[in-house]
């Protein structure tokens, strides 16, 4: 495991506590060849940053993960991404200056994609990828010092990551800038439906090597 920033200690947070309602199957457990979705994302993220933390829902079944990965569970069900990010940042506060945050459903992220986002942090409090009118709070870097700001927003029932970005010193990284390392912006591709999952298997050439779960 390495760290792409020589001046800052960057960790990783992977959110996997969503309901997977459109997939109708836990996305963290989706097989991709010999790997499952969550372990694949953990492997990629942990090759760039450390330590890496997984944020799961209460009672959620998880696949086997490396020993260096710490798992914490949401304190409240359905609290949303900002709350989960806040829990992860709080847990990393004593170890890291910031954390790269991803969902478990972006299996095509890669080292250069993650490093490009991290490199934009500089003096900012967070970096979030913006793609046209869409924002990607799970393709972002957040300073661990944002924990108090997140808690304050949640107390005001402002629970969206964009609410945080609009109130702190944030950098919005245009997705077009990522094309130099990810021409098809595959790192922003979420796998939410069975159709997207089957297409992913075809694109990656893993269709024959994967035992389909449904």
N, C-alpha and C. Protein backbone atom coordinates (compact mmCIF):
# COMPACT_ATOMS: atom_id res chain seq x y z
N UNK A 1 0.84 -1.20 0.00
CA UNK A 1 0.00 0.00 0.00
C UNK A 1 0.88 1.24 0.00
N UNK A 2 0.46 2.23 -0.71
CA UNK A 2 1.24 3.45 -0.81
C UNK A 2 0.35 4.65 -0.61
N UNK A 3 0.95 5.81 -0.64
CA UNK A 3 0.20 7.04 -0.50
C UNK A 3 0.66 8.00 -1.58
N UNK A 4 -0.27 8.58 -2.32
CA UNK A 4 0.09 9.38 -3.48
C UNK A 4 0.51 10.79 -3.11
N UNK A 5 0.30 11.22 -1.91
CA UNK A 5 0.63 12.58 -1.52
C UNK A 5 1.73 12.55 -0.47
N UNK A 6 2.87 13.14 -0.80
CA UNK A 6 4.02 13.07 0.10
C UNK A 6 3.87 13.96 1.33
N UNK A 7 2.99 14.96 1.24
CA UNK A 7 2.83 15.89 2.35
C UNK A 7 1.65 15.54 3.24
N UNK A 8 0.63 14.93 2.67
CA UNK A 8 -0.57 14.61 3.43
C UNK A 8 -0.73 13.10 3.54
N UNK A 9 -1.27 12.67 4.66
CA UNK A 9 -1.59 11.26 4.84
C UNK A 9 -3.04 11.06 4.40
N UNK A 10 -3.23 10.26 3.36
CA UNK A 10 -4.54 10.05 2.77
C UNK A 10 -5.01 8.62 3.05
N UNK A 11 -6.17 8.48 3.63
CA UNK A 11 -6.78 7.18 3.83
C UNK A 11 -7.88 6.94 2.81
N UNK A 12 -8.65 5.89 3.04
CA UNK A 12 -9.74 5.57 2.12
C UNK A 12 -10.99 5.15 2.86
N UNK A 13 -12.14 5.53 2.33
CA UNK A 13 -13.44 5.15 2.88
C UNK A 13 -14.27 4.60 1.74
N UNK A 14 -14.82 3.40 1.92
CA UNK A 14 -15.67 2.79 0.91
C UNK A 14 -17.04 2.55 1.53
N UNK A 15 -18.07 3.16 0.93
CA UNK A 15 -19.43 3.02 1.42
C UNK A 15 -20.11 1.84 0.73
N UNK A 16 -20.73 0.98 1.53
CA UNK A 16 -21.42 -0.18 0.91
C UNK A 16 -22.75 -0.47 1.60
N UNK A 17 -23.29 0.52 2.32
CA UNK A 17 -24.50 0.28 3.10
C UNK A 17 -25.81 0.58 2.40
N UNK A 18 -25.77 0.80 1.09
CA UNK A 18 -27.00 1.09 0.36
C UNK A 18 -27.91 -0.14 0.29
N UNK A 19 -29.15 0.07 -0.08
CA UNK A 19 -30.14 -1.02 -0.09
C UNK A 19 -30.08 -1.88 -1.35
N UNK A 20 -29.33 -1.45 -2.38
CA UNK A 20 -29.23 -2.21 -3.64
C UNK A 20 -30.60 -2.56 -4.19
N UNK A 21 -31.55 -1.64 -4.06
CA UNK A 21 -32.94 -1.95 -4.43
C UNK A 21 -33.11 -2.19 -5.93
N UNK A 22 -32.39 -1.45 -6.76
CA UNK A 22 -32.52 -1.63 -8.21
C UNK A 22 -31.84 -2.92 -8.68
N UNK A 23 -30.80 -3.33 -7.97
CA UNK A 23 -30.12 -4.58 -8.32
C UNK A 23 -30.89 -5.78 -7.79
N UNK A 24 -31.62 -5.58 -6.68
CA UNK A 24 -32.33 -6.67 -6.00
C UNK A 24 -31.37 -7.78 -5.59
N UNK A 25 -30.16 -7.39 -5.29
CA UNK A 25 -29.12 -8.30 -4.81
C UNK A 25 -28.03 -7.42 -4.21
N UNK A 26 -27.39 -7.81 -3.10
CA UNK A 26 -26.38 -6.95 -2.48
C UNK A 26 -25.21 -6.69 -3.42
N UNK A 27 -25.00 -5.44 -3.78
CA UNK A 27 -23.96 -5.11 -4.74
C UNK A 27 -22.57 -5.47 -4.23
N UNK A 28 -22.36 -5.38 -2.93
CA UNK A 28 -21.05 -5.72 -2.36
C UNK A 28 -20.67 -7.16 -2.61
N UNK A 29 -21.68 -8.01 -2.85
CA UNK A 29 -21.46 -9.45 -3.02
C UNK A 29 -21.52 -9.90 -4.47
N UNK A 30 -21.64 -8.99 -5.40
CA UNK A 30 -21.70 -9.36 -6.81
C UNK A 30 -20.37 -9.94 -7.27
N UNK A 31 -20.38 -11.13 -7.89
CA UNK A 31 -19.12 -11.71 -8.36
C UNK A 31 -18.64 -11.08 -9.67
N UNK A 32 -17.34 -10.89 -9.75
CA UNK A 32 -16.68 -10.42 -10.97
C UNK A 32 -15.50 -11.35 -11.20
N UNK A 33 -15.71 -12.40 -11.96
CA UNK A 33 -14.68 -13.41 -12.09
C UNK A 33 -14.48 -14.10 -10.75
N UNK A 34 -13.26 -14.12 -10.28
CA UNK A 34 -12.95 -14.78 -9.00
C UNK A 34 -13.09 -13.84 -7.81
N UNK A 35 -13.41 -12.57 -8.06
CA UNK A 35 -13.56 -11.58 -6.99
C UNK A 35 -15.03 -11.23 -6.79
N UNK A 36 -15.32 -10.65 -5.64
CA UNK A 36 -16.61 -10.02 -5.42
C UNK A 36 -16.43 -8.51 -5.52
N UNK A 37 -17.53 -7.79 -5.70
CA UNK A 37 -17.47 -6.36 -5.99
C UNK A 37 -16.74 -5.57 -4.91
N UNK A 38 -17.13 -5.73 -3.65
CA UNK A 38 -16.52 -4.94 -2.59
C UNK A 38 -15.03 -5.25 -2.44
N UNK A 39 -14.60 -6.52 -2.36
CA UNK A 39 -13.16 -6.79 -2.28
C UNK A 39 -12.37 -6.24 -3.46
N UNK A 40 -12.98 -6.22 -4.64
CA UNK A 40 -12.29 -5.64 -5.80
C UNK A 40 -12.02 -4.16 -5.59
N UNK A 41 -13.06 -3.42 -5.16
CA UNK A 41 -12.88 -1.98 -4.93
C UNK A 41 -11.89 -1.75 -3.79
N UNK A 42 -11.97 -2.54 -2.74
CA UNK A 42 -11.00 -2.43 -1.64
C UNK A 42 -9.58 -2.64 -2.15
N UNK A 43 -9.38 -3.64 -2.98
CA UNK A 43 -8.04 -3.92 -3.52
C UNK A 43 -7.49 -2.73 -4.30
N UNK A 44 -8.33 -2.14 -5.14
CA UNK A 44 -7.87 -1.01 -5.96
C UNK A 44 -7.58 0.21 -5.10
N UNK A 45 -8.51 0.56 -4.22
CA UNK A 45 -8.33 1.75 -3.39
C UNK A 45 -7.12 1.59 -2.47
N UNK A 46 -6.95 0.41 -1.89
CA UNK A 46 -5.86 0.20 -0.94
C UNK A 46 -4.49 0.15 -1.61
N UNK A 47 -4.46 0.06 -2.94
CA UNK A 47 -3.18 0.13 -3.64
C UNK A 47 -2.69 1.56 -3.78
N UNK A 48 -3.56 2.53 -3.42
CA UNK A 48 -3.23 3.94 -3.54
C UNK A 48 -3.13 4.62 -2.18
N UNK A 49 -4.07 4.31 -1.28
CA UNK A 49 -4.14 4.99 0.01
C UNK A 49 -4.24 3.97 1.14
N UNK A 50 -3.92 4.44 2.34
CA UNK A 50 -4.08 3.60 3.53
C UNK A 50 -4.11 4.50 4.76
N UNK A 51 -4.82 4.05 5.82
CA UNK A 51 -5.63 2.83 5.91
C UNK A 51 -6.95 2.98 5.16
N UNK A 52 -7.59 1.84 4.92
CA UNK A 52 -8.87 1.82 4.22
C UNK A 52 -9.95 1.31 5.16
N UNK A 53 -11.09 1.98 5.11
CA UNK A 53 -12.21 1.66 5.99
C UNK A 53 -13.47 1.41 5.16
N UNK A 54 -14.25 0.43 5.56
CA UNK A 54 -15.53 0.13 4.91
C UNK A 54 -16.65 0.53 5.86
N UNK A 55 -17.63 1.26 5.34
CA UNK A 55 -18.79 1.68 6.12
C UNK A 55 -19.98 0.85 5.65
N UNK A 56 -20.52 0.02 6.53
CA UNK A 56 -21.60 -0.89 6.19
C UNK A 56 -22.86 -0.55 6.96
N UNK A 57 -23.98 -1.07 6.50
CA UNK A 57 -25.24 -0.89 7.23
C UNK A 57 -25.27 -1.83 8.43
N UNK A 58 -26.11 -1.51 9.38
CA UNK A 58 -26.26 -2.37 10.54
C UNK A 58 -26.74 -3.75 10.11
N UNK A 59 -26.03 -4.78 10.58
CA UNK A 59 -26.42 -6.15 10.27
C UNK A 59 -26.13 -6.60 8.86
N UNK A 60 -25.42 -5.79 8.08
CA UNK A 60 -25.16 -6.13 6.69
C UNK A 60 -24.16 -7.28 6.57
N UNK A 61 -24.44 -8.20 5.70
CA UNK A 61 -23.53 -9.31 5.41
C UNK A 61 -22.45 -8.82 4.45
N UNK A 62 -21.20 -9.04 4.81
CA UNK A 62 -20.08 -8.60 3.99
C UNK A 62 -19.25 -9.80 3.55
N UNK A 63 -18.59 -9.69 2.41
CA UNK A 63 -17.66 -10.74 2.01
C UNK A 63 -16.39 -10.66 2.85
N UNK A 64 -15.56 -11.66 2.75
CA UNK A 64 -14.29 -11.65 3.47
C UNK A 64 -13.41 -10.53 2.91
N UNK A 65 -12.81 -9.78 3.84
CA UNK A 65 -11.96 -8.64 3.46
C UNK A 65 -10.58 -8.81 4.08
N UNK A 66 -9.57 -8.14 3.52
CA UNK A 66 -8.23 -8.22 4.10
C UNK A 66 -8.22 -7.77 5.56
N UNK A 67 -7.28 -8.30 6.33
CA UNK A 67 -7.21 -7.98 7.75
C UNK A 67 -6.97 -6.51 8.02
N UNK A 68 -6.30 -5.81 7.08
CA UNK A 68 -5.99 -4.40 7.32
C UNK A 68 -7.20 -3.49 7.15
N UNK A 69 -8.31 -4.01 6.65
CA UNK A 69 -9.51 -3.20 6.44
C UNK A 69 -10.34 -3.18 7.71
N UNK A 70 -10.66 -1.98 8.16
CA UNK A 70 -11.53 -1.83 9.33
C UNK A 70 -12.96 -1.62 8.85
N UNK A 71 -13.90 -2.31 9.45
CA UNK A 71 -15.31 -2.17 9.10
C UNK A 71 -16.04 -1.49 10.25
N UNK A 72 -16.76 -0.44 9.96
CA UNK A 72 -17.64 0.17 10.97
C UNK A 72 -19.05 0.23 10.38
N UNK A 73 -20.03 0.25 11.25
CA UNK A 73 -21.42 0.21 10.81
C UNK A 73 -22.12 1.54 11.10
N UNK A 74 -23.00 1.91 10.17
CA UNK A 74 -23.79 3.13 10.36
C UNK A 74 -24.49 3.10 11.71
N UNK A 75 -24.51 4.23 12.38
CA UNK A 75 -25.18 4.31 13.67
C UNK A 75 -26.69 4.32 13.53
N UNK A 76 -27.19 4.78 12.39
CA UNK A 76 -28.63 4.81 12.17
C UNK A 76 -28.94 4.37 10.74
N UNK A 77 -29.98 3.62 10.58
CA UNK A 77 -30.35 3.09 9.27
C UNK A 77 -30.89 4.20 8.37
N UNK A 78 -30.44 4.18 7.11
CA UNK A 78 -30.96 5.12 6.13
C UNK A 78 -30.56 6.56 6.36
N UNK A 79 -29.46 6.80 7.06
CA UNK A 79 -29.04 8.16 7.39
C UNK A 79 -28.44 8.90 6.20
N UNK A 80 -28.02 8.16 5.19
CA UNK A 80 -27.50 8.80 3.99
C UNK A 80 -25.98 8.85 3.93
N UNK A 81 -25.50 9.25 2.74
CA UNK A 81 -24.06 9.21 2.47
C UNK A 81 -23.26 10.17 3.35
N UNK A 82 -23.77 11.37 3.59
CA UNK A 82 -22.99 12.35 4.35
C UNK A 82 -22.74 11.84 5.77
N UNK A 83 -23.75 11.25 6.38
CA UNK A 83 -23.59 10.68 7.71
C UNK A 83 -22.54 9.58 7.71
N UNK A 84 -22.59 8.69 6.72
CA UNK A 84 -21.62 7.61 6.63
C UNK A 84 -20.21 8.14 6.41
N UNK A 85 -20.09 9.15 5.56
CA UNK A 85 -18.78 9.76 5.34
C UNK A 85 -18.25 10.37 6.63
N UNK A 86 -19.13 11.03 7.37
CA UNK A 86 -18.73 11.63 8.64
C UNK A 86 -18.22 10.60 9.63
N UNK A 87 -18.89 9.43 9.70
CA UNK A 87 -18.44 8.37 10.60
C UNK A 87 -17.06 7.86 10.20
N UNK A 88 -16.85 7.72 8.90
CA UNK A 88 -15.55 7.26 8.43
C UNK A 88 -14.45 8.27 8.71
N UNK A 89 -14.72 9.53 8.45
CA UNK A 89 -13.72 10.57 8.70
C UNK A 89 -13.39 10.66 10.18
N UNK A 90 -14.40 10.52 11.03
CA UNK A 90 -14.16 10.57 12.48
C UNK A 90 -13.25 9.43 12.91
N UNK A 91 -13.47 8.25 12.33
CA UNK A 91 -12.66 7.09 12.69
C UNK A 91 -11.22 7.21 12.19
N UNK A 92 -11.02 8.00 11.14
CA UNK A 92 -9.68 8.17 10.57
C UNK A 92 -8.97 9.42 11.06
N UNK A 93 -9.64 10.22 11.87
CA UNK A 93 -9.14 11.54 12.23
C UNK A 93 -7.75 11.50 12.86
N UNK A 94 -7.46 10.51 13.65
CA UNK A 94 -6.18 10.43 14.34
C UNK A 94 -5.08 9.85 13.46
N UNK A 95 -5.45 9.35 12.27
CA UNK A 95 -4.48 8.68 11.42
C UNK A 95 -4.21 9.39 10.10
N UNK A 96 -5.17 10.20 9.65
CA UNK A 96 -5.08 10.76 8.30
C UNK A 96 -5.46 12.24 8.28
N UNK A 97 -4.95 12.93 7.26
CA UNK A 97 -5.35 14.31 7.01
C UNK A 97 -6.62 14.37 6.17
N UNK A 98 -6.81 13.36 5.33
CA UNK A 98 -7.95 13.34 4.43
C UNK A 98 -8.21 11.90 4.00
N UNK A 99 -9.34 11.69 3.32
CA UNK A 99 -9.68 10.35 2.85
C UNK A 99 -10.33 10.42 1.47
N UNK A 100 -9.90 9.52 0.60
CA UNK A 100 -10.58 9.32 -0.67
C UNK A 100 -11.82 8.49 -0.39
N UNK A 101 -12.98 8.93 -0.91
CA UNK A 101 -14.25 8.25 -0.64
C UNK A 101 -14.81 7.68 -1.93
N UNK A 102 -15.21 6.41 -1.86
CA UNK A 102 -15.79 5.72 -3.01
C UNK A 102 -16.98 4.89 -2.56
N UNK A 103 -17.85 4.56 -3.49
CA UNK A 103 -18.86 3.56 -3.25
C UNK A 103 -18.28 2.19 -3.57
N UNK A 104 -18.98 1.14 -3.20
CA UNK A 104 -18.52 -0.21 -3.51
C UNK A 104 -18.93 -0.64 -4.90
N UNK A 105 -19.70 0.20 -5.60
CA UNK A 105 -20.28 -0.19 -6.89
C UNK A 105 -19.60 0.48 -8.08
N UNK A 106 -18.31 0.85 -7.90
CA UNK A 106 -17.55 1.45 -9.00
C UNK A 106 -16.33 0.58 -9.28
N UNK A 107 -16.52 -0.61 -9.84
CA UNK A 107 -15.43 -1.58 -9.97
C UNK A 107 -14.39 -1.23 -11.02
N UNK A 108 -14.63 -0.18 -11.82
CA UNK A 108 -13.67 0.17 -12.86
C UNK A 108 -12.78 1.36 -12.49
N UNK A 109 -12.84 1.78 -11.22
CA UNK A 109 -11.88 2.79 -10.78
C UNK A 109 -10.48 2.19 -10.85
N UNK A 110 -9.49 3.06 -10.96
CA UNK A 110 -8.12 2.56 -11.04
C UNK A 110 -7.17 3.57 -10.40
N UNK A 111 -5.93 3.20 -10.29
CA UNK A 111 -4.94 3.98 -9.54
C UNK A 111 -4.83 5.40 -10.06
N UNK A 112 -4.70 5.58 -11.36
CA UNK A 112 -4.51 6.92 -11.91
C UNK A 112 -5.72 7.81 -11.68
N UNK A 113 -6.90 7.21 -11.75
CA UNK A 113 -8.16 7.94 -11.49
C UNK A 113 -8.17 8.47 -10.06
N UNK A 114 -7.87 7.60 -9.11
CA UNK A 114 -7.86 8.01 -7.70
C UNK A 114 -6.78 9.07 -7.45
N UNK A 115 -5.60 8.84 -7.99
CA UNK A 115 -4.48 9.77 -7.77
C UNK A 115 -4.77 11.15 -8.34
N UNK A 116 -5.45 11.19 -9.49
CA UNK A 116 -5.78 12.47 -10.12
C UNK A 116 -6.71 13.28 -9.21
N UNK A 117 -7.70 12.64 -8.62
CA UNK A 117 -8.62 13.35 -7.73
C UNK A 117 -7.88 13.83 -6.48
N UNK A 118 -7.05 12.98 -5.90
CA UNK A 118 -6.30 13.36 -4.70
C UNK A 118 -5.38 14.55 -4.98
N UNK A 119 -4.79 14.57 -6.17
CA UNK A 119 -3.82 15.63 -6.49
C UNK A 119 -4.45 17.02 -6.52
N UNK A 120 -5.79 17.08 -6.64
CA UNK A 120 -6.47 18.37 -6.69
C UNK A 120 -6.78 18.94 -5.31
N UNK A 121 -6.47 18.18 -4.24
CA UNK A 121 -6.86 18.63 -2.90
C UNK A 121 -6.14 19.91 -2.50
N UNK A 122 -4.81 19.93 -2.62
CA UNK A 122 -4.00 21.11 -2.29
C UNK A 122 -4.45 21.70 -0.94
N UNK A 123 -4.86 22.97 -0.94
CA UNK A 123 -5.30 23.62 0.29
C UNK A 123 -6.80 23.54 0.51
N UNK A 124 -7.50 22.84 -0.37
CA UNK A 124 -8.96 22.73 -0.26
C UNK A 124 -9.36 21.79 0.87
N UNK A 125 -10.60 21.94 1.31
CA UNK A 125 -11.12 21.04 2.33
C UNK A 125 -11.72 19.79 1.73
N UNK A 126 -12.17 19.89 0.50
CA UNK A 126 -12.63 18.69 -0.19
C UNK A 126 -12.53 18.89 -1.68
N UNK A 127 -12.44 17.79 -2.40
CA UNK A 127 -12.47 17.76 -3.85
C UNK A 127 -13.59 16.83 -4.26
N UNK A 128 -14.47 17.29 -5.15
CA UNK A 128 -15.58 16.47 -5.62
C UNK A 128 -15.64 16.56 -7.13
N UNK A 129 -15.79 15.43 -7.80
CA UNK A 129 -15.89 15.43 -9.26
C UNK A 129 -17.26 15.94 -9.68
N UNK A 130 -17.25 16.82 -10.69
CA UNK A 130 -18.49 17.35 -11.26
C UNK A 130 -18.56 16.96 -12.73
N UNK A 131 -19.66 16.37 -13.13
CA UNK A 131 -19.85 15.93 -14.51
C UNK A 131 -21.09 16.61 -15.06
N UNK A 132 -20.88 17.71 -15.76
CA UNK A 132 -22.02 18.51 -16.20
C UNK A 132 -22.77 19.06 -15.00
N UNK A 133 -24.06 18.75 -14.89
CA UNK A 133 -24.84 19.23 -13.75
C UNK A 133 -24.83 18.23 -12.60
N UNK A 134 -24.12 17.10 -12.78
CA UNK A 134 -24.10 16.06 -11.77
C UNK A 134 -22.84 16.14 -10.93
N UNK A 135 -22.99 15.84 -9.65
CA UNK A 135 -21.86 15.80 -8.72
C UNK A 135 -21.65 14.37 -8.25
N UNK A 136 -20.40 14.02 -7.99
CA UNK A 136 -20.05 12.66 -7.58
C UNK A 136 -19.41 12.69 -6.18
N UNK A 137 -20.23 12.69 -5.12
CA UNK A 137 -19.69 12.74 -3.77
C UNK A 137 -18.94 11.48 -3.37
N UNK A 138 -19.08 10.40 -4.16
CA UNK A 138 -18.33 9.18 -3.90
C UNK A 138 -17.21 8.99 -4.92
N UNK A 139 -16.79 10.09 -5.50
CA UNK A 139 -15.53 10.17 -6.25
C UNK A 139 -14.91 11.47 -5.78
N UNK A 140 -14.45 11.45 -4.54
CA UNK A 140 -14.10 12.69 -3.85
C UNK A 140 -13.07 12.45 -2.76
N UNK A 141 -12.47 13.55 -2.32
CA UNK A 141 -11.53 13.52 -1.19
C UNK A 141 -12.02 14.53 -0.16
N UNK A 142 -12.11 14.09 1.10
CA UNK A 142 -12.59 14.94 2.19
C UNK A 142 -11.51 15.01 3.27
N UNK A 143 -11.24 16.19 3.77
CA UNK A 143 -10.34 16.30 4.92
C UNK A 143 -11.04 15.78 6.17
N UNK A 144 -10.29 15.13 7.03
CA UNK A 144 -10.87 14.60 8.26
C UNK A 144 -11.29 15.72 9.21
N UNK A 145 -10.77 16.91 9.00
CA UNK A 145 -11.16 18.06 9.83
C UNK A 145 -12.60 18.51 9.57
N UNK A 146 -13.28 17.90 8.60
CA UNK A 146 -14.65 18.28 8.28
C UNK A 146 -15.69 17.61 9.17
N UNK A 147 -15.24 16.76 10.09
CA UNK A 147 -16.19 16.00 10.91
C UNK A 147 -17.18 16.92 11.63
N UNK A 148 -16.68 17.96 12.25
CA UNK A 148 -17.57 18.86 13.01
C UNK A 148 -18.56 19.56 12.09
N UNK A 149 -18.11 19.97 10.91
CA UNK A 149 -19.01 20.62 9.95
C UNK A 149 -20.10 19.67 9.50
N UNK A 150 -19.74 18.41 9.28
CA UNK A 150 -20.72 17.40 8.88
C UNK A 150 -21.75 17.19 9.98
N UNK A 151 -21.29 17.07 11.20
CA UNK A 151 -22.21 16.87 12.32
C UNK A 151 -23.16 18.04 12.47
N UNK A 152 -22.65 19.25 12.25
CA UNK A 152 -23.50 20.44 12.34
C UNK A 152 -24.57 20.42 11.25
N UNK A 153 -24.19 20.08 10.03
CA UNK A 153 -25.16 20.04 8.94
C UNK A 153 -26.24 19.00 9.20
N UNK A 154 -25.82 17.84 9.69
CA UNK A 154 -26.80 16.78 9.98
C UNK A 154 -27.77 17.22 11.07
N UNK A 155 -27.27 17.98 12.05
CA UNK A 155 -28.16 18.48 13.10
C UNK A 155 -29.20 19.44 12.54
N UNK A 156 -28.89 20.05 11.39
CA UNK A 156 -29.83 20.95 10.71
C UNK A 156 -30.65 20.21 9.65
N UNK A 157 -30.50 18.88 9.61
CA UNK A 157 -31.16 18.02 8.63
C UNK A 157 -30.75 18.34 7.20
N UNK A 158 -29.52 18.80 7.05
CA UNK A 158 -28.91 18.98 5.73
C UNK A 158 -27.97 17.80 5.52
N UNK A 159 -28.42 16.80 4.79
CA UNK A 159 -27.76 15.50 4.77
C UNK A 159 -27.10 15.14 3.44
N UNK A 160 -27.00 16.09 2.53
CA UNK A 160 -26.39 15.78 1.24
C UNK A 160 -24.92 16.22 1.23
N UNK A 161 -24.04 15.43 0.65
CA UNK A 161 -22.65 15.87 0.55
C UNK A 161 -22.49 17.20 -0.16
N UNK A 162 -23.37 17.52 -1.11
CA UNK A 162 -23.27 18.80 -1.79
C UNK A 162 -23.57 19.96 -0.84
N UNK A 163 -24.39 19.71 0.19
CA UNK A 163 -24.63 20.74 1.21
C UNK A 163 -23.32 21.11 1.89
N UNK A 164 -22.51 20.10 2.18
CA UNK A 164 -21.20 20.34 2.78
C UNK A 164 -20.29 21.08 1.81
N UNK A 165 -20.24 20.61 0.57
CA UNK A 165 -19.35 21.22 -0.42
C UNK A 165 -19.67 22.70 -0.64
N UNK A 166 -20.94 23.05 -0.53
CA UNK A 166 -21.34 24.44 -0.74
C UNK A 166 -21.02 25.35 0.43
N UNK A 167 -20.59 24.77 1.56
CA UNK A 167 -20.35 25.58 2.76
C UNK A 167 -18.89 25.62 3.18
N UNK A 168 -18.03 24.85 2.49
CA UNK A 168 -16.61 24.83 2.87
C UNK A 168 -15.78 25.17 1.64
N UNK A 169 -14.47 25.20 1.83
CA UNK A 169 -13.55 25.50 0.74
C UNK A 169 -13.40 24.25 -0.13
N UNK A 170 -14.23 24.17 -1.18
CA UNK A 170 -14.29 22.97 -2.00
C UNK A 170 -13.77 23.23 -3.40
N UNK A 171 -13.18 22.19 -3.98
CA UNK A 171 -12.76 22.21 -5.37
C UNK A 171 -13.63 21.24 -6.14
N UNK A 172 -14.28 21.71 -7.19
CA UNK A 172 -15.07 20.84 -8.05
C UNK A 172 -14.23 20.50 -9.28
N UNK A 173 -13.80 19.26 -9.35
CA UNK A 173 -12.94 18.81 -10.44
C UNK A 173 -13.80 18.38 -11.62
N UNK A 174 -13.66 19.09 -12.73
CA UNK A 174 -14.45 18.76 -13.90
C UNK A 174 -14.08 17.38 -14.42
N UNK A 175 -15.11 16.57 -14.68
CA UNK A 175 -14.87 15.20 -15.13
C UNK A 175 -14.01 15.15 -16.39
N UNK A 176 -14.09 16.19 -17.22
CA UNK A 176 -13.30 16.20 -18.45
C UNK A 176 -11.81 16.15 -18.16
N UNK A 177 -11.41 16.69 -17.01
CA UNK A 177 -9.99 16.65 -16.63
C UNK A 177 -9.53 15.23 -16.31
N UNK A 178 -10.47 14.36 -15.99
CA UNK A 178 -10.13 12.97 -15.68
C UNK A 178 -9.92 12.13 -16.93
N UNK A 179 -10.36 12.66 -18.08
CA UNK A 179 -10.26 11.86 -19.31
C UNK A 179 -8.82 11.58 -19.71
N UNK A 180 -7.88 12.41 -19.25
CA UNK A 180 -6.49 12.16 -19.60
C UNK A 180 -5.96 10.88 -18.95
N UNK A 181 -6.61 10.45 -17.85
CA UNK A 181 -6.22 9.19 -17.22
C UNK A 181 -7.31 8.12 -17.35
N UNK A 182 -8.51 8.55 -17.70
CA UNK A 182 -9.66 7.63 -17.81
C UNK A 182 -10.54 8.12 -18.96
N UNK A 183 -10.14 7.83 -20.22
CA UNK A 183 -10.81 8.42 -21.39
C UNK A 183 -12.32 8.19 -21.43
N UNK A 184 -12.79 7.04 -20.95
CA UNK A 184 -14.22 6.74 -20.99
C UNK A 184 -14.92 7.05 -19.67
N UNK A 185 -14.19 7.64 -18.74
CA UNK A 185 -14.73 7.96 -17.41
C UNK A 185 -15.35 6.72 -16.75
N UNK A 186 -14.67 5.60 -16.90
CA UNK A 186 -15.18 4.36 -16.31
C UNK A 186 -15.17 4.40 -14.79
N UNK A 187 -14.28 5.20 -14.22
CA UNK A 187 -14.21 5.31 -12.76
C UNK A 187 -15.45 5.93 -12.15
N UNK A 188 -16.27 6.58 -12.98
CA UNK A 188 -17.51 7.19 -12.50
C UNK A 188 -18.72 6.30 -12.77
N UNK A 189 -18.48 5.13 -13.32
CA UNK A 189 -19.57 4.24 -13.71
C UNK A 189 -20.05 3.41 -12.52
N UNK A 190 -21.28 3.71 -12.07
CA UNK A 190 -21.90 2.94 -10.99
C UNK A 190 -22.66 1.76 -11.58
N UNK A 191 -22.59 0.64 -10.89
CA UNK A 191 -23.33 -0.55 -11.31
C UNK A 191 -24.55 -0.68 -10.41
N UNK A 192 -25.72 -0.33 -10.96
CA UNK A 192 -26.93 -0.26 -10.13
C UNK A 192 -28.02 -1.26 -10.51
N UNK A 193 -27.97 -1.78 -11.73
CA UNK A 193 -29.04 -2.66 -12.20
C UNK A 193 -28.44 -3.95 -12.75
N UNK A 194 -29.25 -5.02 -12.84
CA UNK A 194 -28.76 -6.25 -13.46
C UNK A 194 -28.24 -6.03 -14.87
N UNK A 195 -28.90 -5.17 -15.65
CA UNK A 195 -28.47 -4.91 -17.02
C UNK A 195 -27.07 -4.29 -17.04
N UNK A 196 -26.81 -3.34 -16.13
CA UNK A 196 -25.48 -2.73 -16.05
C UNK A 196 -24.44 -3.75 -15.60
N UNK A 197 -24.84 -4.64 -14.71
CA UNK A 197 -23.93 -5.69 -14.24
C UNK A 197 -23.55 -6.63 -15.38
N UNK A 198 -24.53 -7.07 -16.16
CA UNK A 198 -24.24 -7.97 -17.27
C UNK A 198 -23.36 -7.29 -18.32
N UNK A 199 -23.62 -6.00 -18.56
CA UNK A 199 -22.79 -5.25 -19.51
C UNK A 199 -21.37 -5.12 -19.00
N UNK A 200 -21.22 -4.91 -17.69
CA UNK A 200 -19.88 -4.84 -17.09
C UNK A 200 -19.11 -6.14 -17.33
N UNK A 201 -19.78 -7.26 -17.12
CA UNK A 201 -19.12 -8.55 -17.32
C UNK A 201 -18.68 -8.72 -18.78
N UNK A 202 -19.50 -8.25 -19.71
CA UNK A 202 -19.12 -8.34 -21.12
C UNK A 202 -17.94 -7.42 -21.42
N UNK A 203 -17.99 -6.18 -20.91
CA UNK A 203 -16.93 -5.21 -21.17
C UNK A 203 -15.58 -5.66 -20.63
N UNK A 204 -15.60 -6.31 -19.48
CA UNK A 204 -14.36 -6.72 -18.82
C UNK A 204 -13.90 -8.11 -19.24
N UNK A 205 -14.67 -8.78 -20.07
CA UNK A 205 -14.32 -10.12 -20.50
C UNK A 205 -14.45 -11.16 -19.41
N UNK A 206 -15.24 -10.86 -18.38
CA UNK A 206 -15.40 -11.77 -17.24
C UNK A 206 -16.68 -12.58 -17.30
N UNK A 207 -17.41 -12.46 -18.42
CA UNK A 207 -18.71 -13.10 -18.50
C UNK A 207 -18.63 -14.63 -18.31
N UNK A 208 -17.65 -15.26 -18.97
CA UNK A 208 -17.53 -16.72 -18.87
C UNK A 208 -16.93 -17.16 -17.56
N UNK A 209 -16.14 -16.29 -16.92
CA UNK A 209 -15.44 -16.66 -15.69
C UNK A 209 -16.26 -16.37 -14.44
N UNK A 210 -17.46 -15.83 -14.62
CA UNK A 210 -18.28 -15.41 -13.48
C UNK A 210 -19.48 -16.32 -13.29
N UNK A 211 -19.65 -16.79 -12.08
CA UNK A 211 -20.84 -17.57 -11.75
C UNK A 211 -21.93 -16.59 -11.32
N UNK A 212 -22.94 -16.44 -12.15
CA UNK A 212 -23.97 -15.44 -11.92
C UNK A 212 -24.77 -15.76 -10.66
N UNK A 213 -25.06 -14.73 -9.86
CA UNK A 213 -25.78 -14.95 -8.61
C UNK A 213 -27.30 -14.96 -8.78
N UNK A 214 -27.78 -14.59 -9.95
CA UNK A 214 -29.23 -14.56 -10.20
C UNK A 214 -29.50 -14.76 -11.69
